[in-house]
C-alpha atoms as a PDB file:
ATOM      1  CA  MET A   1       0.000   0.000   0.000  1.00  0.00           C
ATOM      2  CA  ASN A   2       2.693   2.550   1.028  1.00  0.00           C
ATOM      3  CA  LYS A   3       4.842   1.595  -1.958  1.00  0.00           C
ATOM      4  CA  TYR A   4       1.974   2.318  -4.346  1.00  0.00           C
ATOM      5  CA  LEU A   5       1.179   5.577  -2.545  1.00  0.00           C
ATOM      6  CA  ASN A   6       4.737   6.801  -2.965  1.00  0.00           C
ATOM      7  CA  LYS A   7       4.723   5.874  -6.659  1.00  0.00           C
ATOM      8  CA  LEU A   8       1.446   7.732  -7.114  1.00  0.00           C
ATOM      9  CA  LEU A   9       2.918  10.828  -5.472  1.00  0.00           C
ATOM     10  CA  ASP A  10       5.861  10.648  -7.867  1.00  0.00           C
ATOM     11  CA  ILE A  11       3.425  10.694 -10.775  1.00  0.00           C
ATOM     12  CA  ILE A  12       1.201  13.473  -9.452  1.00  0.00           C
ATOM     13  CA  PHE A  13       3.989  15.786  -8.267  1.00  0.00           C
ATOM     14  CA  VAL A  14       7.035  16.835 -10.306  1.00  0.00           C
ATOM     15  CA  SER A  15       9.801  15.601  -8.055  1.00  0.00           C
ATOM     16  CA  ASN A  16      13.081  15.857  -9.949  1.00  0.00           C
ATOM     17  CA  ILE A  17      13.019  19.131 -11.877  1.00  0.00           C
ATOM     18  CA  TYR A  18      13.635  21.667  -9.113  1.00  0.00           C
ATOM     19  CA  CYS A  19      15.981  21.751  -6.132  1.00  0.00           C
ATOM     20  CA  ILE A  20      13.888  21.280  -3.008  1.00  0.00           C
ATOM     21  CA  GLY A  21      16.130  23.730  -1.142  1.00  0.00           C
ATOM     22  CA  CYS A  22      16.119  26.778  -3.416  1.00  0.00           C
ATOM     23  CA  GLY A  23      14.010  25.965  -6.465  1.00  0.00           C
ATOM     24  CA  ALA A  24      16.880  25.988  -8.950  1.00  0.00           C
ATOM     25  CA  ILE A  25      16.409  23.817 -12.029  1.00  0.00           C
ATOM     26  CA  ILE A  26      18.325  20.542 -11.669  1.00  0.00           C
ATOM     27  CA  ASP A  27      18.576  17.196 -13.414  1.00  0.00           C
ATOM     28  CA  LYS A  28      17.448  13.820 -12.137  1.00  0.00           C
ATOM     29  CA  SER A  29      20.956  12.790 -11.112  1.00  0.00           C
ATOM     30  CA  ARG A  30      21.073  15.211  -8.167  1.00  0.00           C
ATOM     31  CA  LYS A  31      21.091  13.377  -4.841  1.00  0.00           C
ATOM     32  CA  TYR A  32      18.064  14.177  -2.680  1.00  0.00           C
ATOM     33  CA  SER A  33      16.944  16.630  -5.406  1.00  0.00           C
ATOM     34  CA  LEU A  34      19.385  19.229  -4.051  1.00  0.00           C
ATOM     35  CA  CYS A  35      21.539  21.501  -6.206  1.00  0.00           C
ATOM     36  CA  ASN A  36      25.270  21.738  -5.503  1.00  0.00           C
ATOM     37  CA  ASP A  37      24.923  24.948  -3.508  1.00  0.00           C
ATOM     38  CA  CYS A  38      22.218  23.558  -1.218  1.00  0.00           C
ATOM     39  CA  MET A  39      24.022  20.252  -0.832  1.00  0.00           C
ATOM     40  CA  GLU A  40      27.158  22.072   0.300  1.00  0.00           C
ATOM     41  CA  ASN A  41      25.462  24.682   2.476  1.00  0.00           C
ATOM     42  CA  MET A  42      22.675  22.722   4.147  1.00  0.00           C
ATOM     43  CA  SER A  43      23.249  22.824   7.915  1.00  0.00           C
ATOM     44  CA  TRP A  44      24.083  19.124   8.173  1.00  0.00           C
ATOM     45  CA  THR A  45      24.642  17.901  11.715  1.00  0.00           C
ATOM     46  CA  SER A  46      28.337  17.985  12.535  1.00  0.00           C
ATOM     47  CA  ALA A  47      30.751  15.272  13.591  1.00  0.00           C
ATOM     48  CA  LYS A  48      30.265  16.249  17.243  1.00  0.00           C
ATOM     49  CA  THR A  49      26.649  16.057  18.344  1.00  0.00           C
ATOM     50  CA  CYS A  50      24.659  15.951  21.563  1.00  0.00           C
ATOM     51  CA  GLU A  51      24.655  12.357  22.766  1.00  0.00           C
ATOM     52  CA  GLN A  52      20.919  12.541  23.422  1.00  0.00           C
ATOM     53  CA  CYS A  53      19.123  14.698  20.836  1.00  0.00           C
ATOM     54  CA  GLY A  54      21.805  14.635  18.127  1.00  0.00           C
ATOM     55  CA  ARG A  55      21.988  18.433  17.783  1.00  0.00           C
ATOM     56  CA  SER A  56      25.332  19.773  16.492  1.00  0.00           C
ATOM     57  CA  LEU A  57      27.790  20.847  19.192  1.00  0.00           C
ATOM     58  CA  ASP A  58      30.745  23.197  18.969  1.00  0.00           C
ATOM     59  CA  ALA A  59      33.816  20.980  18.580  1.00  0.00           C
ATOM     60  CA  SER A  60      35.680  23.081  21.157  1.00  0.00           C
ATOM     61  CA  ARG A  61      33.162  22.464  23.951  1.00  0.00           C
ATOM     62  CA  MET A  62      33.629  19.672  26.474  1.00  0.00           C
ATOM     63  CA  GLU A  63      29.981  18.917  27.187  1.00  0.00           C
ATOM     64  CA  LYS A  64      28.539  15.708  25.756  1.00  0.00           C
ATOM     65  CA  ARG A  65      24.984  17.009  25.820  1.00  0.00           C
ATOM     66  CA  CYS A  66      23.550  20.303  24.585  1.00  0.00           C
ATOM     67  CA  TYR A  67      22.101  22.908  26.919  1.00  0.00           C
ATOM     68  CA  PHE A  68      18.525  21.854  26.130  1.00  0.00           C
ATOM     69  CA  CYS A  69      19.139  18.213  27.013  1.00  0.00           C
ATOM     70  CA  ARG A  70      21.103  19.081  30.150  1.00  0.00           C
ATOM     71  CA  THR A  71      18.164  21.120  31.429  1.00  0.00           C
ATOM     72  CA  ALA A  72      15.346  18.797  30.335  1.00  0.00           C
ATOM     73  CA  ASN A  73      14.279  15.388  31.572  1.00  0.00           C
ATOM     74  CA  HIS A  74      13.717  13.756  28.210  1.00  0.00           C
ATOM     75  CA  LYS A  75      11.792  10.505  28.051  1.00  0.00           C
ATOM     76  CA  TYR A  76      13.249   9.380  24.723  1.00  0.00           C
ATOM     77  CA  ASP A  77      16.721   7.859  24.618  1.00  0.00           C
ATOM     78  CA  GLU A  78      18.515   9.101  21.501  1.00  0.00           C
ATOM     79  CA  GLY A  79      17.871  11.317  18.501  1.00  0.00           C
ATOM     80  CA  TYR A  80      19.228  11.216  14.961  1.00  0.00           C
ATOM     81  CA  PRO A  81      18.467  14.498  13.160  1.00  0.00           C
ATOM     82  CA  CYS A  82      20.113  15.226   9.820  1.00  0.00           C
ATOM     83  CA  THR A  83      20.263  19.026   9.777  1.00  0.00           C
ATOM     84  CA  GLY A  84      19.724  22.146  11.803  1.00  0.00           C
ATOM     85  CA  TYR A  85      16.624  24.211  11.137  1.00  0.00           C
ATOM     86  CA  HIS A  86      17.594  27.354   9.246  1.00  0.00           C
ATOM     87  CA  GLU A  87      16.443  29.130   6.089  1.00  0.00           C
ATOM     88  CA  ARG A  88      16.926  26.281   3.605  1.00  0.00           C
ATOM     89  CA  GLU A  89      15.535  23.643   5.900  1.00  0.00           C
ATOM     90  CA  ARG A  90      12.552  25.826   6.849  1.00  0.00           C
ATOM     91  CA  LYS A  91      11.717  26.362   3.173  1.00  0.00           C
ATOM     92  CA  ILE A  92      11.813  22.619   2.528  1.00  0.00           C
ATOM     93  CA  ILE A  93       9.489  21.856   5.445  1.00  0.00           C
ATOM     94  CA  SER A  94       7.173  24.745   4.555  1.00  0.00           C
ATOM     95  CA  ASP A  95       6.909  23.534   0.958  1.00  0.00           C
ATOM     96  CA  LEU A  96       6.192  20.011   2.187  1.00  0.00           C
ATOM     97  CA  LYS A  97       3.499  20.983   4.686  1.00  0.00           C
ATOM     98  CA  ALA A  98       2.052  24.396   3.865  1.00  0.00           C
ATOM     99  CA  GLY A  99       2.758  23.991   0.157  1.00  0.00           C
ATOM    100  CA  LYS A 100       1.398  20.429   0.176  1.00  0.00           C
ATOM    101  CA  GLN A 101       4.310  19.233  -1.970  1.00  0.00           C
ATOM    102  CA  ALA A 102       4.102  15.682  -0.701  1.00  0.00           C
ATOM    103  CA  TYR A 103       6.820  14.329  -2.990  1.00  0.00           C
ATOM    104  CA  ILE A 104       9.407  16.120  -0.812  1.00  0.00           C
ATOM    105  CA  ALA A 105       8.738  13.531   1.895  1.00  0.00           C
ATOM    106  CA  GLY A 106      10.467  10.892  -0.224  1.00  0.00           C
ATOM    107  CA  HIS A 107      13.637  12.957  -0.481  1.00  0.00           C
ATOM    108  CA  LEU A 108      13.661  13.638   3.266  1.00  0.00           C
ATOM    109  CA  ALA A 109      13.209   9.917   3.886  1.00  0.00           C
ATOM    110  CA  ASP A 110      16.253   9.173   1.734  1.00  0.00           C
ATOM    111  CA  ILE A 111      18.280  11.693   3.743  1.00  0.00           C
ATOM    112  CA  ILE A 112      17.105  10.194   7.044  1.00  0.00           C
ATOM    113  CA  PHE A 113      17.783   6.624   5.927  1.00  0.00           C
ATOM    114  CA  ASP A 114      21.332   7.489   4.860  1.00  0.00           C
ATOM    115  CA  LYS A 115      21.884   9.196   8.218  1.00  0.00           C
ATOM    116  CA  LEU A 116      20.722   6.092  10.084  1.00  0.00           C
ATOM    117  CA  VAL A 117      23.014   3.913   7.988  1.00  0.00           C
ATOM    118  CA  SER A 118      25.979   6.220   8.636  1.00  0.00           C
ATOM    119  CA  LEU A 119      25.360   5.957  12.379  1.00  0.00           C
ATOM    120  CA  ASN A 120      24.967   2.163  12.189  1.00  0.00           C
ATOM    121  CA  VAL A 121      21.834   2.164  14.337  1.00  0.00           C
ATOM    122  CA  LEU A 122      19.341   0.248  12.200  1.00  0.00           C
ATOM    123  CA  GLU A 123      20.519  -3.170  13.363  1.00  0.00           C
ATOM    124  CA  ASN A 124      19.282  -2.298  16.847  1.00  0.00           C
ATOM    125  CA  ILE A 125      15.813  -1.090  15.795  1.00  0.00           C
ATOM    126  CA  ASP A 126      12.799  -3.398  16.008  1.00  0.00           C
ATOM    127  CA  ILE A 127       9.919  -1.099  15.041  1.00  0.00           C
ATOM    128  CA  LEU A 128       9.413   2.084  13.022  1.00  0.00           C
ATOM    129  CA  LEU A 129       6.503   4.374  13.927  1.00  0.00           C
ATOM    130  CA  PRO A 130       5.493   7.706  12.383  1.00  0.00           C
ATOM    131  CA  VAL A 131       4.762  10.466  14.863  1.00  0.00           C
ATOM    132  CA  PRO A 132       0.972  11.017  14.726  1.00  0.00           C
ATOM    133  CA  ALA A 133      -0.092  14.351  13.291  1.00  0.00           C
ATOM    134  CA  ASN A 134      -2.507  16.870  14.700  1.00  0.00           C
ATOM    135  CA  VAL A 135      -5.877  15.731  13.341  1.00  0.00           C
ATOM    136  CA  LYS A 136      -6.902  19.161  12.028  1.00  0.00           C
ATOM    137  CA  ASN A 137      -3.551  19.702  10.323  1.00  0.00           C
ATOM    138  CA  GLU A 138      -3.648  16.287   8.680  1.00  0.00           C
ATOM    139  CA  ARG A 139      -7.181  16.834   7.432  1.00  0.00           C
ATOM    140  CA  LYS A 140      -6.289  20.260   6.024  1.00  0.00           C
ATOM    141  CA  ARG A 141      -3.060  19.057   4.420  1.00  0.00           C
ATOM    142  CA  GLY A 142      -4.469  15.778   3.150  1.00  0.00           C
ATOM    143  CA  PHE A 143      -1.629  13.707   4.560  1.00  0.00           C
ATOM    144  CA  ASN A 144       0.582  13.125   7.594  1.00  0.00           C
ATOM    145  CA  GLN A 145       4.064  14.082   6.400  1.00  0.00           C
ATOM    146  CA  SER A 146       5.663  11.916   9.091  1.00  0.00           C
ATOM    147  CA  GLU A 147       3.801   8.888   7.794  1.00  0.00           C
ATOM    148  CA  LEU A 148       4.895   9.577   4.213  1.00  0.00           C
ATOM    149  CA  ILE A 149       8.505   9.890   5.360  1.00  0.00           C
ATOM    150  CA  ALA A 150       8.330   6.822   7.599  1.00  0.00           C
ATOM    151  CA  SER A 151       6.822   4.612   4.897  1.00  0.00           C
ATOM    152  CA  ARG A 152       9.691   5.443   2.546  1.00  0.00           C
ATOM    153  CA  VAL A 153      12.285   4.875   5.276  1.00  0.00           C
ATOM    154  CA  PHE A 154      10.698   1.491   5.945  1.00  0.00           C
ATOM    155  CA  GLU A 155      10.847   0.564   2.260  1.00  0.00           C
ATOM    156  CA  LYS A 156      14.573   1.221   2.274  1.00  0.00           C
ATOM    157  CA  CYS A 157      14.997  -0.629   5.565  1.00  0.00           C
ATOM    158  CA  ALA A 158      13.096  -3.629   4.198  1.00  0.00           C
ATOM    159  CA  GLU A 159      15.691  -3.936   1.465  1.00  0.00           C
ATOM    160  CA  ASN A 160      18.541  -3.975   3.974  1.00  0.00           C
ATOM    161  CA  VAL A 161      17.280  -4.800   7.495  1.00  0.00           C
ATOM    162  CA  LYS A 162      14.595  -7.439   7.065  1.00  0.00           C
ATOM    163  CA  ARG A 163      13.464  -7.789  10.673  1.00  0.00           C
ATOM    164  CA  ILE A 164      12.279  -4.191  11.205  1.00  0.00           C
ATOM    165  CA  GLN A 165       8.493  -3.852  11.485  1.00  0.00           C
ATOM    166  CA  TYR A 166       6.454  -0.790  10.533  1.00  0.00           C
ATOM    167  CA  TYR A 167       3.079   0.216  11.967  1.00  0.00           C
ATOM    168  CA  THR A 168       0.940   3.300  11.395  1.00  0.00           C
ATOM    169  CA  ASP A 169      -1.803   2.572  13.927  1.00  0.00           C
ATOM    170  CA  VAL A 170       0.031   2.050  17.211  1.00  0.00           C
ATOM    171  CA  LEU A 171      -0.024   5.747  18.182  1.00  0.00           C
ATOM    172  CA  HIS A 172      -2.609   8.398  17.420  1.00  0.00           C
ATOM    173  CA  ARG A 173      -3.505  11.857  18.647  1.00  0.00           C
ATOM    174  CA  ASP A 174      -6.547  12.901  20.589  1.00  0.00           C
ATOM    175  CA  LYS A 175      -8.890  14.631  18.145  1.00  0.00           C
ATOM    176  CA  LYS A 176      -9.269  17.503  20.594  1.00  0.00           C
ATOM    177  CA  GLY A 177      -5.538  18.246  20.610  1.00  0.00           C
ATOM    178  CA  MET A 178      -4.559  21.811  19.756  1.00  0.00           C
ATOM    179  CA  GLN A 179      -1.973  22.982  17.236  1.00  0.00           C
ATOM    180  CA  MET A 180       1.453  23.844  18.665  1.00  0.00           C
ATOM    181  CA  LYS A 181       3.015  26.021  15.969  1.00  0.00           C
ATOM    182  CA  GLY A 182       4.523  29.149  17.497  1.00  0.00           C
ATOM    183  CA  GLN A 183       4.258  27.927  21.074  1.00  0.00           C
ATOM    184  CA  SER A 184       7.081  28.027  23.613  1.00  0.00           C
ATOM    185  CA  SER A 185       8.752  24.882  24.892  1.00  0.00           C
ATOM    186  CA  GLU A 186       6.724  24.944  28.095  1.00  0.00           C
ATOM    187  CA  GLU A 187       3.477  25.564  26.230  1.00  0.00           C
ATOM    188  CA  ARG A 188       4.194  22.668  23.913  1.00  0.00           C
ATOM    189  CA  ARG A 189       4.839  20.336  26.830  1.00  0.00           C
ATOM    190  CA  MET A 190       1.640  21.359  28.550  1.00  0.00           C
ATOM    191  CA  ASN A 191      -0.486  21.073  25.418  1.00  0.00           C
ATOM    192  CA  ILE A 192       0.867  17.730  24.187  1.00  0.00           C
ATOM    193  CA  LYS A 193       0.431  16.125  27.603  1.00  0.00           C
ATOM    194  CA  GLY A 194      -2.116  13.335  27.323  1.00  0.00           C
ATOM    195  CA  GLN A 195      -2.652  13.961  23.605  1.00  0.00           C
ATOM    196  CA  ILE A 196      -0.604  10.988  22.333  1.00  0.00           C
ATOM    197  CA  LEU A 197      -2.683   7.843  22.691  1.00  0.00           C
ATOM    198  CA  LEU A 198      -1.766   4.174  22.365  1.00  0.00           C
ATOM    199  CA  SER A 199      -4.043   1.700  20.622  1.00  0.00           C
ATOM    200  CA  GLU A 200      -4.971  -0.877  23.258  1.00  0.00           C
ATOM    201  CA  THR A 201      -5.118  -3.648  20.665  1.00  0.00           C
ATOM    202  CA  LYS A 202      -1.618  -2.788  19.387  1.00  0.00           C
ATOM    203  CA  ALA A 203       0.185  -2.203  22.678  1.00  0.00           C
ATOM    204  CA  HIS A 204       1.645  -5.718  22.748  1.00  0.00           C
ATOM    205  CA  LEU A 205       3.592  -4.973  19.561  1.00  0.00           C
ATOM    206  CA  VAL A 206       6.038  -2.634  21.321  1.00  0.00           C
ATOM    207  CA  ARG A 207       6.562  -4.688  24.477  1.00  0.00           C
ATOM    208  CA  GLY A 208      10.263  -5.483  24.890  1.00  0.00           C
ATOM    209  CA  LYS A 209      11.122  -3.653  21.663  1.00  0.00           C
ATOM    210  CA  THR A 210      13.347  -0.793  20.581  1.00  0.00           C
ATOM    211  CA  VAL A 211      11.207   1.754  18.743  1.00  0.00           C
ATOM    212  CA  LEU A 212      12.312   4.417  16.274  1.00  0.00           C
ATOM    213  CA  LEU A 213       9.944   7.375  15.843  1.00  0.00           C
ATOM    214  CA  ILE A 214      10.038   9.161  12.496  1.00  0.00           C
ATOM    215  CA  ASP A 215       9.152  12.853  12.172  1.00  0.00           C
ATOM    216  CA  ASP A 216       9.975  15.768   9.899  1.00  0.00           C
ATOM    217  CA  VAL A 217      11.181  18.287  12.503  1.00  0.00           C
ATOM    218  CA  TYR A 218      12.192  18.089  16.157  1.00  0.00           C
ATOM    219  CA  THR A 219      11.391  21.435  17.745  1.00  0.00           C
ATOM    220  CA  THR A 220      11.533  21.183  21.545  1.00  0.00           C
ATOM    221  CA  GLY A 221      11.276  17.436  22.084  1.00  0.00           C
ATOM    222  CA  ALA A 222       7.836  17.688  23.681  1.00  0.00           C
ATOM    223  CA  THR A 223       6.143  15.412  21.143  1.00  0.00           C
ATOM    224  CA  ALA A 224       9.003  12.892  21.090  1.00  0.00           C
ATOM    225  CA  ASP A 225       8.926  12.775  24.892  1.00  0.00           C
ATOM    226  CA  GLU A 226       5.173  12.235  25.044  1.00  0.00           C
ATOM    227  CA  CYS A 227       5.403   9.439  22.461  1.00  0.00           C
ATOM    228  CA  ALA A 228       8.266   7.838  24.368  1.00  0.00           C
ATOM    229  CA  LYS A 229       6.392   8.054  27.675  1.00  0.00           C
ATOM    230  CA  VAL A 230       3.370   6.284  26.199  1.00  0.00           C
ATOM    231  CA  LEU A 231       5.449   3.620  24.448  1.00  0.00           C
ATOM    232  CA  LYS A 232       7.551   2.870  27.520  1.00  0.00           C
ATOM    233  CA  SER A 233       4.417   2.587  29.630  1.00  0.00           C
ATOM    234  CA  ALA A 234       3.441  -0.231  27.239  1.00  0.00           C
ATOM    235  CA  GLY A 235       6.775  -1.980  27.743  1.00  0.00           C
ATOM    236  CA  ALA A 236       9.059  -0.583  25.036  1.00  0.00           C
ATOM    237  CA  ILE A 237      12.620  -0.868  26.295  1.00  0.00           C
ATOM    238  CA  LYS A 238      14.079   1.999  24.256  1.00  0.00           C
ATOM    239  CA  VAL A 239      12.600   4.816  22.188  1.00  0.00           C
ATOM    240  CA  CYS A 240      14.623   6.919  19.757  1.00  0.00           C
ATOM    241  CA  PHE A 241      13.674   9.385  17.062  1.00  0.00           C
ATOM    242  CA  ALA A 242      14.948  10.301  13.616  1.00  0.00           C
ATOM    243  CA  GLY A 243      14.024  13.389  11.687  1.00  0.00           C
ATOM    244  CA  PHE A 244      15.148  15.671   8.911  1.00  0.00           C
ATOM    245  CA  ALA A 245      15.766  18.780  11.003  1.00  0.00           C
ATOM    246  CA  ILE A 246      16.226  19.826  14.603  1.00  0.00           C
ATOM    247  CA  GLY A 247      15.492  23.306  15.950  1.00  0.00           C
ATOM    248  CA  ASN A 248      18.166  25.466  17.491  1.00  0.00           C
END
């Protein structure tokens, strides 16, 4: 089903003509549909990263965790973001979500998969789950971008790591949940509390497993933490996340 959906998106949306970072005309050979300038100047996460969230750290600093992770009590275990969240990355995410350019999800999935391979973490993952979207946003957009990304990541995993399982119906959001765009870290944590729900009939699937959450952007960690809290309450032994970008 997901394979056919991705192929349909490739047909409906022109996915290889323009750079997803700046809109420059490119040819089909460009990796991730990025022009040379965007490929070189994207804020890729550096060699030294926070050991918890994966945010880039200044190579000269001694700390192993960033300020945000040192001052927060995160429920998730590790994060694997690919880039920071600056002008290019914001444009890409805006085009994906606000611009409803769903084909971009496939390119972000390719970036995320390559990041996971470079970190050699896939062998330890049992289950992939997309982060559930706000119901109103998903209805307005017509898709959950995290699910589109996750389905493509799973396709690539299935070709290389056969034992990983993928589910779209383990987690969902309360329909009454409010949108969190523009909210502070504390506001996000308050508003997401109790909004991530676990399907009672699917809870057994995560028991004793290591779960990898897939999302487009990690902003404050509030959503990842709430997902991790729910999954660990059902018996998951470790919960990590992977995403395209991480806020600064």
